[in-house]
Amino acid sequence: MQITLITLTTTTTTTTTAIIIIIIIIIIIMETFGPSNMAGFQFLNELGRRISQESDDSRECAFLFQRLSMTIQRFNAVAIQGTFAMRTPTEDDISDI
């Protein structure tokens, strides 16, 4: 599992308060027609489980994966549209109608 851990620590000498911020970055790889990486899948599964716990809706984990799937499909559609050259119709195209 590849996890990047960033820890920011702030301490002051005049007070006993310490602020510790820990940021965990988990790389999630989603394939269009294939499996995702195991660490990303476990993270998303756990995230969906916790969302389901808070909302009392057992379908939230499935909804999370569906939203990710739709995001990938929308991105692919935009990427494909970007490969076509923009062409303005000529008079020959209009006269063929």
PDB file of N, CA and C in Angstrom:
ATOM      1  N   MET A   1       0.855  -1.169   0.000  1.00  0.00           N
ATOM      2  CA  MET A   1       0.000   0.000   0.000  1.00  0.00           C
ATOM      3  C   MET A   1       0.901   1.231   0.000  1.00  0.00           C
ATOM      4  N   GLN A   2       0.704   2.083  -0.961  1.00  0.00           N
ATOM      5  CA  GLN A   2       1.514   3.283  -1.045  1.00  0.00           C
ATOM      6  C   GLN A   2       0.755   4.436  -0.419  1.00  0.00           C
ATOM      7  N   ILE A   3       1.238   4.907   0.713  1.00  0.00           N
ATOM      8  CA  ILE A   3       0.609   6.005   1.435  1.00  0.00           C
ATOM      9  C   ILE A   3       1.660   7.078   1.656  1.00  0.00           C
ATOM     10  N   THR A   4       1.307   8.298   1.358  1.00  0.00           N
ATOM     11  CA  THR A   4       2.184   9.425   1.623  1.00  0.00           C
ATOM     12  C   THR A   4       1.693  10.099   2.889  1.00  0.00           C
ATOM     13  N   LEU A   5       2.554  10.261   3.847  1.00  0.00           N
ATOM     14  CA  LEU A   5       2.184  10.831   5.132  1.00  0.00           C
ATOM     15  C   LEU A   5       2.905  12.153   5.302  1.00  0.00           C
ATOM     16  N   ILE A   6       2.137  13.201   5.545  1.00  0.00           N
ATOM     17  CA  ILE A   6       2.692  14.529   5.768  1.00  0.00           C
ATOM     18  C   ILE A   6       2.283  14.947   7.173  1.00  0.00           C
ATOM     19  N   THR A   7       3.237  15.276   8.007  1.00  0.00           N
ATOM     20  CA  THR A   7       2.937  15.683   9.373  1.00  0.00           C
ATOM     21  C   THR A   7       3.421  17.104   9.580  1.00  0.00           C
ATOM     22  N   LEU A   8       2.531  17.965  10.039  1.00  0.00           N
ATOM     23  CA  LEU A   8       2.880  19.340  10.366  1.00  0.00           C
ATOM     24  C   LEU A   8       2.691  19.504  11.870  1.00  0.00           C
ATOM     25  N   THR A   9       3.699  19.939  12.548  1.00  0.00           N
ATOM     26  CA  THR A   9       3.619  20.084  13.999  1.00  0.00           C
ATOM     27  C   THR A   9       3.934  21.529  14.362  1.00  0.00           C
ATOM     28  N   THR A  10       3.118  22.108  15.251  1.00  0.00           N
ATOM     29  CA  THR A  10       3.347  23.459  15.735  1.00  0.00           C
ATOM     30  C   THR A  10       3.352  23.424  17.254  1.00  0.00           C
ATOM     31  N   THR A  11       4.414  23.887  17.843  1.00  0.00           N
ATOM     32  CA  THR A  11       4.474  23.978  19.306  1.00  0.00           C
ATOM     33  C   THR A  11       4.952  25.373  19.667  1.00  0.00           C
ATOM     34  N   THR A  12       4.480  25.870  20.782  1.00  0.00           N
ATOM     35  CA  THR A  12       4.914  27.179  21.245  1.00  0.00           C
ATOM     36  C   THR A  12       5.486  27.018  22.645  1.00  0.00           C
ATOM     37  N   THR A  13       6.410  27.858  22.983  1.00  0.00           N
ATOM     38  CA  THR A  13       7.040  27.764  24.295  1.00  0.00           C
ATOM     39  C   THR A  13       6.238  28.475  25.366  1.00  0.00           C
ATOM     40  N   THR A  14       5.368  29.425  24.991  1.00  0.00           N
ATOM     41  CA  THR A  14       4.619  30.176  25.985  1.00  0.00           C
ATOM     42  C   THR A  14       3.361  29.447  26.429  1.00  0.00           C
ATOM     43  N   THR A  15       2.870  28.526  25.632  1.00  0.00           N
ATOM     44  CA  THR A  15       1.677  27.785  26.016  1.00  0.00           C
ATOM     45  C   THR A  15       1.958  26.296  25.928  1.00  0.00           C
ATOM     46  N   THR A  16       1.078  25.519  26.488  1.00  0.00           N
ATOM     47  CA  THR A  16       1.235  24.068  26.441  1.00  0.00           C
ATOM     48  C   THR A  16       0.433  23.470  25.300  1.00  0.00           C
ATOM     49  N   THR A  17      -0.141  24.303  24.459  1.00  0.00           N
ATOM     50  CA  THR A  17      -0.955  23.828  23.354  1.00  0.00           C
ATOM     51  C   THR A  17      -0.065  23.448  22.176  1.00  0.00           C
ATOM     52  N   ALA A  18      -0.326  22.297  21.629  1.00  0.00           N
ATOM     53  CA  ALA A  18       0.388  21.851  20.440  1.00  0.00           C
ATOM     54  C   ALA A  18      -0.646  21.508  19.382  1.00  0.00           C
ATOM     55  N   ILE A  19      -0.409  21.946  18.191  1.00  0.00           N
ATOM     56  CA  ILE A  19      -1.307  21.656  17.076  1.00  0.00           C
ATOM     57  C   ILE A  19      -0.589  20.679  16.165  1.00  0.00           C
ATOM     58  N   ILE A  20      -1.192  19.530  15.985  1.00  0.00           N
ATOM     59  CA  ILE A  20      -0.611  18.511  15.122  1.00  0.00           C
ATOM     60  C   ILE A  20      -1.612  18.222  14.015  1.00  0.00           C
ATOM     61  N   ILE A  21      -1.194  18.413  12.787  1.00  0.00           N
ATOM     62  CA  ILE A  21      -2.037  18.140  11.629  1.00  0.00           C
ATOM     63  C   ILE A  21      -1.376  17.022  10.847  1.00  0.00           C
ATOM     64  N   ILE A  22      -2.117  15.958  10.650  1.00  0.00           N
ATOM     65  CA  ILE A  22      -1.599  14.832   9.883  1.00  0.00           C
ATOM     66  C   ILE A  22      -2.449  14.698   8.629  1.00  0.00           C
ATOM     67  N   ILE A  23      -1.795  14.714   7.498  1.00  0.00           N
ATOM     68  CA  ILE A  23      -2.474  14.571   6.216  1.00  0.00           C
ATOM     69  C   ILE A  23      -2.004  13.265   5.596  1.00  0.00           C
ATOM     70  N   ILE A  24      -2.953  12.402   5.297  1.00  0.00           N
ATOM     71  CA  ILE A  24      -2.632  11.133   4.657  1.00  0.00           C
ATOM     72  C   ILE A  24      -3.141  11.196   3.228  1.00  0.00           C
ATOM     73  N   ILE A  25      -2.255  10.946   2.292  1.00  0.00           N
ATOM     74  CA  ILE A  25      -2.621  10.948   0.885  1.00  0.00           C
ATOM     75  C   ILE A  25      -2.575   9.514   0.389  1.00  0.00           C
ATOM     76  N   ILE A  26      -3.710   9.021  -0.050  1.00  0.00           N
ATOM     77  CA  ILE A  26      -3.786   7.674  -0.599  1.00  0.00           C
ATOM     78  C   ILE A  26      -4.023   7.798  -2.092  1.00  0.00           C
ATOM     79  N   ILE A  27      -3.166   7.185  -2.864  1.00  0.00           N
ATOM     80  CA  ILE A  27      -3.281   7.243  -4.320  1.00  0.00           C
ATOM     81  C   ILE A  27      -4.345   6.246  -4.753  1.00  0.00           C
ATOM     82  N   ILE A  28      -5.341   6.742  -5.470  1.00  0.00           N
ATOM     83  CA  ILE A  28      -6.425   5.902  -5.957  1.00  0.00           C
ATOM     84  C   ILE A  28      -6.303   5.815  -7.470  1.00  0.00           C
ATOM     85  N   ILE A  29      -6.173   4.604  -7.959  1.00  0.00           N
ATOM     86  CA  ILE A  29      -6.070   4.382  -9.393  1.00  0.00           C
ATOM     87  C   ILE A  29      -7.367   3.729  -9.847  1.00  0.00           C
ATOM     88  N   MET A  30      -8.067   4.382 -10.750  1.00  0.00           N
ATOM     89  CA  MET A  30      -9.313   3.828 -11.280  1.00  0.00           C
ATOM     90  C   MET A  30      -9.107   3.560 -12.765  1.00  0.00           C
ATOM     91  N   GLU A  31      -9.408   2.366 -13.182  1.00  0.00           N
ATOM     92  CA  GLU A  31      -9.309   2.000 -14.586  1.00  0.00           C
ATOM     93  C   GLU A  31     -10.704   2.008 -15.199  1.00  0.00           C
ATOM     94  N   THR A  32     -10.775   2.288 -16.476  1.00  0.00           N
ATOM     95  CA  THR A  32     -12.072   2.310 -17.136  1.00  0.00           C
ATOM     96  C   THR A  32     -12.664   0.915 -17.241  1.00  0.00           C
ATOM     97  N   PHE A  33     -11.885  -0.043 -17.677  1.00  0.00           N
ATOM     98  CA  PHE A  33     -12.390  -1.400 -17.852  1.00  0.00           C
ATOM     99  C   PHE A  33     -11.615  -2.412 -17.030  1.00  0.00           C
ATOM    100  N   GLY A  34     -11.051  -1.996 -15.926  1.00  0.00           N
ATOM    101  CA  GLY A  34     -10.252  -2.920 -15.142  1.00  0.00           C
ATOM    102  C   GLY A  34     -10.355  -2.620 -13.659  1.00  0.00           C
ATOM    103  N   PRO A  35      -9.645  -3.364 -12.860  1.00  0.00           N
ATOM    104  CA  PRO A  35      -9.710  -3.174 -11.408  1.00  0.00           C
ATOM    105  C   PRO A  35      -8.908  -1.954 -10.969  1.00  0.00           C
ATOM    106  N   SER A  36      -9.265  -1.432  -9.828  1.00  0.00           N
ATOM    107  CA  SER A  36      -8.484  -0.348  -9.238  1.00  0.00           C
ATOM    108  C   SER A  36      -7.406  -0.971  -8.362  1.00  0.00           C
ATOM    109  N   ASN A  37      -6.502  -0.146  -7.861  1.00  0.00           N
ATOM    110  CA  ASN A  37      -5.474  -0.699  -6.990  1.00  0.00           C
ATOM    111  C   ASN A  37      -6.097  -1.089  -5.649  1.00  0.00           C
ATOM    112  N   MET A  38      -5.498  -2.059  -4.962  1.00  0.00           N
ATOM    113  CA  MET A  38      -6.082  -2.619  -3.752  1.00  0.00           C
ATOM    114  C   MET A  38      -6.161  -1.592  -2.623  1.00  0.00           C
ATOM    115  N   ALA A  39      -5.132  -0.765  -2.454  1.00  0.00           N
ATOM    116  CA  ALA A  39      -5.151   0.237  -1.389  1.00  0.00           C
ATOM    117  C   ALA A  39      -6.275   1.251  -1.636  1.00  0.00           C
ATOM    118  N   GLY A  40      -6.435   1.672  -2.884  1.00  0.00           N
ATOM    119  CA  GLY A  40      -7.511   2.600  -3.210  1.00  0.00           C
ATOM    120  C   GLY A  40      -8.877   1.982  -2.997  1.00  0.00           C
ATOM    121  N   PHE A  41      -9.029   0.714  -3.390  1.00  0.00           N
ATOM    122  CA  PHE A  41     -10.301   0.023  -3.198  1.00  0.00           C
ATOM    123  C   PHE A  41     -10.638  -0.100  -1.712  1.00  0.00           C
ATOM    124  N   GLN A  42      -9.648  -0.467  -0.900  1.00  0.00           N
ATOM    125  CA  GLN A  42      -9.881  -0.601   0.540  1.00  0.00           C
ATOM    126  C   GLN A  42     -10.246   0.741   1.159  1.00  0.00           C
ATOM    127  N   PHE A  43      -9.568   1.814   0.718  1.00  0.00           N
ATOM    128  CA  PHE A  43      -9.875   3.147   1.225  1.00  0.00           C
ATOM    129  C   PHE A  43     -11.298   3.561   0.864  1.00  0.00           C
ATOM    130  N   LEU A  44     -11.673   3.383  -0.403  1.00  0.00           N
ATOM    131  CA  LEU A  44     -13.021   3.766  -0.833  1.00  0.00           C
ATOM    132  C   LEU A  44     -14.084   2.912  -0.155  1.00  0.00           C
ATOM    133  N   ASN A  45     -13.790   1.643   0.042  1.00  0.00           N
ATOM    134  CA  ASN A  45     -14.728   0.755   0.720  1.00  0.00           C
ATOM    135  C   ASN A  45     -14.939   1.197   2.172  1.00  0.00           C
ATOM    136  N   GLU A  46     -13.856   1.538   2.840  1.00  0.00           N
ATOM    137  CA  GLU A  46     -13.951   2.008   4.229  1.00  0.00           C
ATOM    138  C   GLU A  46     -14.664   3.356   4.301  1.00  0.00           C
ATOM    139  N   LEU A  47     -14.362   4.238   3.342  1.00  0.00           N
ATOM    140  CA  LEU A  47     -15.034   5.538   3.288  1.00  0.00           C
ATOM    141  C   LEU A  47     -16.536   5.354   3.086  1.00  0.00           C
ATOM    142  N   GLY A  48     -16.910   4.462   2.162  1.00  0.00           N
ATOM    143  CA  GLY A  48     -18.326   4.185   1.927  1.00  0.00           C
ATOM    144  C   GLY A  48     -19.003   3.585   3.150  1.00  0.00           C
ATOM    145  N   ARG A  49     -18.286   2.725   3.866  1.00  0.00           N
ATOM    146  CA  ARG A  49     -18.843   2.125   5.081  1.00  0.00           C
ATOM    147  C   ARG A  49     -19.103   3.190   6.141  1.00  0.00           C
ATOM    148  N   ARG A  50     -18.164   4.111   6.292  1.00  0.00           N
ATOM    149  CA  ARG A  50     -18.338   5.178   7.294  1.00  0.00           C
ATOM    150  C   ARG A  50     -19.458   6.140   6.910  1.00  0.00           C
ATOM    151  N   ILE A  51     -19.563   6.446   5.616  1.00  0.00           N
ATOM    152  CA  ILE A  51     -20.665   7.306   5.161  1.00  0.00           C
ATOM    153  C   ILE A  51     -21.999   6.600   5.415  1.00  0.00           C
ATOM    154  N   SER A  52     -22.050   5.302   5.148  1.00  0.00           N
ATOM    155  CA  SER A  52     -23.265   4.521   5.395  1.00  0.00           C
ATOM    156  C   SER A  52     -23.628   4.525   6.866  1.00  0.00           C
ATOM    157  N   GLN A  53     -22.615   4.442   7.721  1.00  0.00           N
ATOM    158  CA  GLN A  53     -22.848   4.461   9.166  1.00  0.00           C
ATOM    159  C   GLN A  53     -23.462   5.787   9.604  1.00  0.00           C
ATOM    160  N   GLU A  54     -22.935   6.886   9.074  1.00  0.00           N
ATOM    161  CA  GLU A  54     -23.425   8.210   9.470  1.00  0.00           C
ATOM    162  C   GLU A  54     -24.815   8.511   8.918  1.00  0.00           C
ATOM    163  N   SER A  55     -25.084   8.047   7.704  1.00  0.00           N
ATOM    164  CA  SER A  55     -26.362   8.384   7.077  1.00  0.00           C
ATOM    165  C   SER A  55     -27.443   7.335   7.313  1.00  0.00           C
ATOM    166  N   ASP A  56     -27.082   6.204   7.911  1.00  0.00           N
ATOM    167  CA  ASP A  56     -28.010   5.087   8.138  1.00  0.00           C
ATOM    168  C   ASP A  56     -28.604   4.574   6.829  1.00  0.00           C
ATOM    169  N   ASP A  57     -27.848   4.678   5.742  1.00  0.00           N
ATOM    170  CA  ASP A  57     -28.276   4.162   4.444  1.00  0.00           C
ATOM    171  C   ASP A  57     -27.209   3.191   3.958  1.00  0.00           C
ATOM    172  N   SER A  58     -27.532   1.932   3.897  1.00  0.00           N
ATOM    173  CA  SER A  58     -26.549   0.906   3.552  1.00  0.00           C
ATOM    174  C   SER A  58     -26.125   0.975   2.087  1.00  0.00           C
ATOM    175  N   ARG A  59     -26.804   1.771   1.266  1.00  0.00           N
ATOM    176  CA  ARG A  59     -26.477   1.868  -0.164  1.00  0.00           C
ATOM    177  C   ARG A  59     -25.407   2.901  -0.469  1.00  0.00           C
ATOM    178  N   GLU A  60     -24.962   3.658   0.529  1.00  0.00           N
ATOM    179  CA  GLU A  60     -24.027   4.759   0.289  1.00  0.00           C
ATOM    180  C   GLU A  60     -22.712   4.297  -0.329  1.00  0.00           C
ATOM    181  N   CYS A  61     -22.213   3.134   0.060  1.00  0.00           N
ATOM    182  CA  CYS A  61     -20.963   2.626  -0.513  1.00  0.00           C
ATOM    183  C   CYS A  61     -21.139   2.378  -2.015  1.00  0.00           C
ATOM    184  N   ALA A  62     -22.248   1.784  -2.388  1.00  0.00           N
ATOM    185  CA  ALA A  62     -22.528   1.553  -3.809  1.00  0.00           C
ATOM    186  C   ALA A  62     -22.681   2.880  -4.550  1.00  0.00           C
ATOM    187  N   PHE A  63     -23.338   3.852  -3.908  1.00  0.00           N
ATOM    188  CA  PHE A  63     -23.505   5.167  -4.527  1.00  0.00           C
ATOM    189  C   PHE A  63     -22.147   5.829  -4.759  1.00  0.00           C
ATOM    190  N   LEU A  64     -21.203   5.674  -3.827  1.00  0.00           N
ATOM    191  CA  LEU A  64     -19.877   6.257  -3.969  1.00  0.00           C
ATOM    192  C   LEU A  64     -19.167   5.690  -5.199  1.00  0.00           C
ATOM    193  N   PHE A  65     -19.207   4.372  -5.356  1.00  0.00           N
ATOM    194  CA  PHE A  65     -18.568   3.752  -6.518  1.00  0.00           C
ATOM    195  C   PHE A  65     -19.278   4.141  -7.817  1.00  0.00           C
ATOM    196  N   GLN A  66     -20.596   4.299  -7.777  1.00  0.00           N
ATOM    197  CA  GLN A  66     -21.335   4.722  -8.969  1.00  0.00           C
ATOM    198  C   GLN A  66     -20.965   6.144  -9.364  1.00  0.00           C
ATOM    199  N   ARG A  67     -20.822   7.030  -8.365  1.00  0.00           N
ATOM    200  CA  ARG A  67     -20.429   8.409  -8.671  1.00  0.00           C
ATOM    201  C   ARG A  67     -19.035   8.462  -9.285  1.00  0.00           C
ATOM    202  N   LEU A  68     -18.118   7.650  -8.764  1.00  0.00           N
ATOM    203  CA  LEU A  68     -16.773   7.599  -9.344  1.00  0.00           C
ATOM    204  C   LEU A  68     -16.813   7.066 -10.778  1.00  0.00           C
ATOM    205  N   SER A  69     -17.640   6.052 -11.008  1.00  0.00           N
ATOM    206  CA  SER A  69     -17.772   5.486 -12.344  1.00  0.00           C
ATOM    207  C   SER A  69     -18.316   6.526 -13.322  1.00  0.00           C
ATOM    208  N   MET A  70     -19.317   7.282 -12.902  1.00  0.00           N
ATOM    209  CA  MET A  70     -19.885   8.320 -13.768  1.00  0.00           C
ATOM    210  C   MET A  70     -18.871   9.421 -14.047  1.00  0.00           C
ATOM    211  N   THR A  71     -18.062   9.758 -13.060  1.00  0.00           N
ATOM    212  CA  THR A  71     -17.032  10.779 -13.258  1.00  0.00           C
ATOM    213  C   THR A  71     -16.020  10.323 -14.299  1.00  0.00           C
ATOM    214  N   ILE A  72     -15.618   9.065 -14.237  1.00  0.00           N
ATOM    215  CA  ILE A  72     -14.670   8.532 -15.217  1.00  0.00           C
ATOM    216  C   ILE A  72     -15.295   8.533 -16.609  1.00  0.00           C
ATOM    217  N   GLN A  73     -16.563   8.136 -16.714  1.00  0.00           N
ATOM    218  CA  GLN A  73     -17.236   8.109 -18.018  1.00  0.00           C
ATOM    219  C   GLN A  73     -17.357   9.505 -18.602  1.00  0.00           C
ATOM    220  N   ARG A  74     -17.683  10.491 -17.769  1.00  0.00           N
ATOM    221  CA  ARG A  74     -17.785  11.869 -18.258  1.00  0.00           C
ATOM    222  C   ARG A  74     -16.429  12.377 -18.728  1.00  0.00           C
ATOM    223  N   PHE A  75     -15.378  12.068 -17.963  1.00  0.00           N
ATOM    224  CA  PHE A  75     -14.038  12.481 -18.369  1.00  0.00           C
ATOM    225  C   PHE A  75     -13.663  11.855 -19.708  1.00  0.00           C
ATOM    226  N   ASN A  76     -13.952  10.575 -19.869  1.00  0.00           N
ATOM    227  CA  ASN A  76     -13.634   9.895 -21.130  1.00  0.00           C
ATOM    228  C   ASN A  76     -14.385  10.521 -22.300  1.00  0.00           C
ATOM    229  N   ALA A  77     -15.636  10.902 -22.077  1.00  0.00           N
ATOM    230  CA  ALA A  77     -16.420  11.535 -23.141  1.00  0.00           C
ATOM    231  C   ALA A  77     -15.793  12.872 -23.544  1.00  0.00           C
ATOM    232  N   VAL A  78     -15.365  13.643 -22.570  1.00  0.00           N
ATOM    233  CA  VAL A  78     -14.726  14.926 -22.868  1.00  0.00           C
ATOM    234  C   VAL A  78     -13.392  14.707 -23.566  1.00  0.00           C
ATOM    235  N   ALA A  79     -12.638  13.698 -23.133  1.00  0.00           N
ATOM    236  CA  ALA A  79     -11.346  13.413 -23.753  1.00  0.00           C
ATOM    237  C   ALA A  79     -11.519  12.985 -25.205  1.00  0.00           C
ATOM    238  N   ILE A  80     -12.535  12.192 -25.485  1.00  0.00           N
ATOM    239  CA  ILE A  80     -12.784  11.751 -26.864  1.00  0.00           C
ATOM    240  C   ILE A  80     -13.216  12.923 -27.727  1.00  0.00           C
ATOM    241  N   GLN A  81     -14.065  13.796 -27.191  1.00  0.00           N
ATOM    242  CA  GLN A  81     -14.506  14.958 -27.971  1.00  0.00           C
ATOM    243  C   GLN A  81     -13.335  15.852 -28.331  1.00  0.00           C
ATOM    244  N   GLY A  82     -12.343  15.912 -27.470  1.00  0.00           N
ATOM    245  CA  GLY A  82     -11.174  16.750 -27.739  1.00  0.00           C
ATOM    246  C   GLY A  82     -10.298  16.229 -28.857  1.00  0.00           C
ATOM    247  N   THR A  83     -10.499  14.985 -29.269  1.00  0.00           N
ATOM    248  CA  THR A  83      -9.665  14.427 -30.338  1.00  0.00           C
ATOM    249  C   THR A  83     -10.204  14.742 -31.720  1.00  0.00           C
ATOM    250  N   PHE A  84     -11.455  15.179 -31.826  1.00  0.00           N
ATOM    251  CA  PHE A  84     -12.037  15.497 -33.119  1.00  0.00           C
ATOM    252  C   PHE A  84     -11.708  16.936 -33.491  1.00  0.00           C
ATOM    253  N   ALA A  85     -11.380  17.148 -34.740  1.00  0.00           N
ATOM    254  CA  ALA A  85     -11.075  18.494 -35.213  1.00  0.00           C
ATOM    255  C   ALA A  85     -12.384  19.251 -35.425  1.00  0.00           C
ATOM    256  N   MET A  86     -12.378  20.508 -35.030  1.00  0.00           N
ATOM    257  CA  MET A  86     -13.547  21.344 -35.259  1.00  0.00           C
ATOM    258  C   MET A  86     -13.533  21.783 -36.716  1.00  0.00           C
ATOM    259  N   ARG A  87     -14.671  21.635 -37.392  1.00  0.00           N
ATOM    260  CA  ARG A  87     -14.747  21.970 -38.810  1.00  0.00           C
ATOM    261  C   ARG A  87     -16.029  22.746 -39.040  1.00  0.00           C
ATOM    262  N   THR A  88     -15.907  23.841 -39.723  1.00  0.00           N
ATOM    263  CA  THR A  88     -17.102  24.605 -40.071  1.00  0.00           C
ATOM    264  C   THR A  88     -17.653  24.074 -41.393  1.00  0.00           C
ATOM    265  N   PRO A  89     -18.963  23.997 -41.515  1.00  0.00           N
ATOM    266  CA  PRO A  89     -19.537  23.458 -42.755  1.00  0.00           C
ATOM    267  C   PRO A  89     -19.262  24.388 -43.938  1.00  0.00           C
ATOM    268  N   THR A  90     -18.979  23.781 -45.063  1.00  0.00           N
ATOM    269  CA  THR A  90     -18.752  24.551 -46.291  1.00  0.00           C
ATOM    270  C   THR A  90     -20.069  24.642 -47.063  1.00  0.00           C
ATOM    271  N   GLU A  91     -20.065  25.396 -48.149  1.00  0.00           N
ATOM    272  CA  GLU A  91     -21.283  25.534 -48.957  1.00  0.00           C
ATOM    273  C   GLU A  91     -21.649  24.213 -49.606  1.00  0.00           C
ATOM    274  N   ASP A  92     -20.674  23.370 -49.918  1.00  0.00           N
ATOM    275  CA  ASP A  92     -20.964  22.067 -50.491  1.00  0.00           C
ATOM    276  C   ASP A  92     -21.725  21.199 -49.497  1.00  0.00           C
ATOM    277  N   ASP A  93     -21.364  21.297 -48.218  1.00  0.00           N
ATOM    278  CA  ASP A  93     -22.054  20.514 -47.185  1.00  0.00           C
ATOM    279  C   ASP A  93     -23.508  20.976 -47.074  1.00  0.00           C
ATOM    280  N   ILE A  94     -23.734  22.268 -47.147  1.00  0.00           N
ATOM    281  CA  ILE A  94     -25.077  22.815 -47.001  1.00  0.00           C
ATOM    282  C   ILE A  94     -25.939  22.475 -48.228  1.00  0.00           C
ATOM    283  N   SER A  95     -25.343  22.496 -49.420  1.00  0.00           N
ATOM    284  CA  SER A  95     -26.112  22.213 -50.634  1.00  0.00           C
ATOM    285  C   SER A  95     -26.496  20.723 -50.730  1.00  0.00           C
ATOM    286  N   ASP A  96     -25.785  19.853 -50.047  1.00  0.00           N
ATOM    287  CA  ASP A  96     -26.115  18.419 -50.066  1.00  0.00           C
ATOM    288  C   ASP A  96     -27.394  18.127 -49.280  1.00  0.00           C
ATOM    289  N   ILE A  97     -27.830  19.032 -48.466  1.00  0.00           N
ATOM    290  CA  ILE A  97     -29.002  18.780 -47.618  1.00  0.00           C
ATOM    291  C   ILE A  97     -30.274  18.892 -48.360  1.00  0.00           C
TER     292      ILE A  97
END
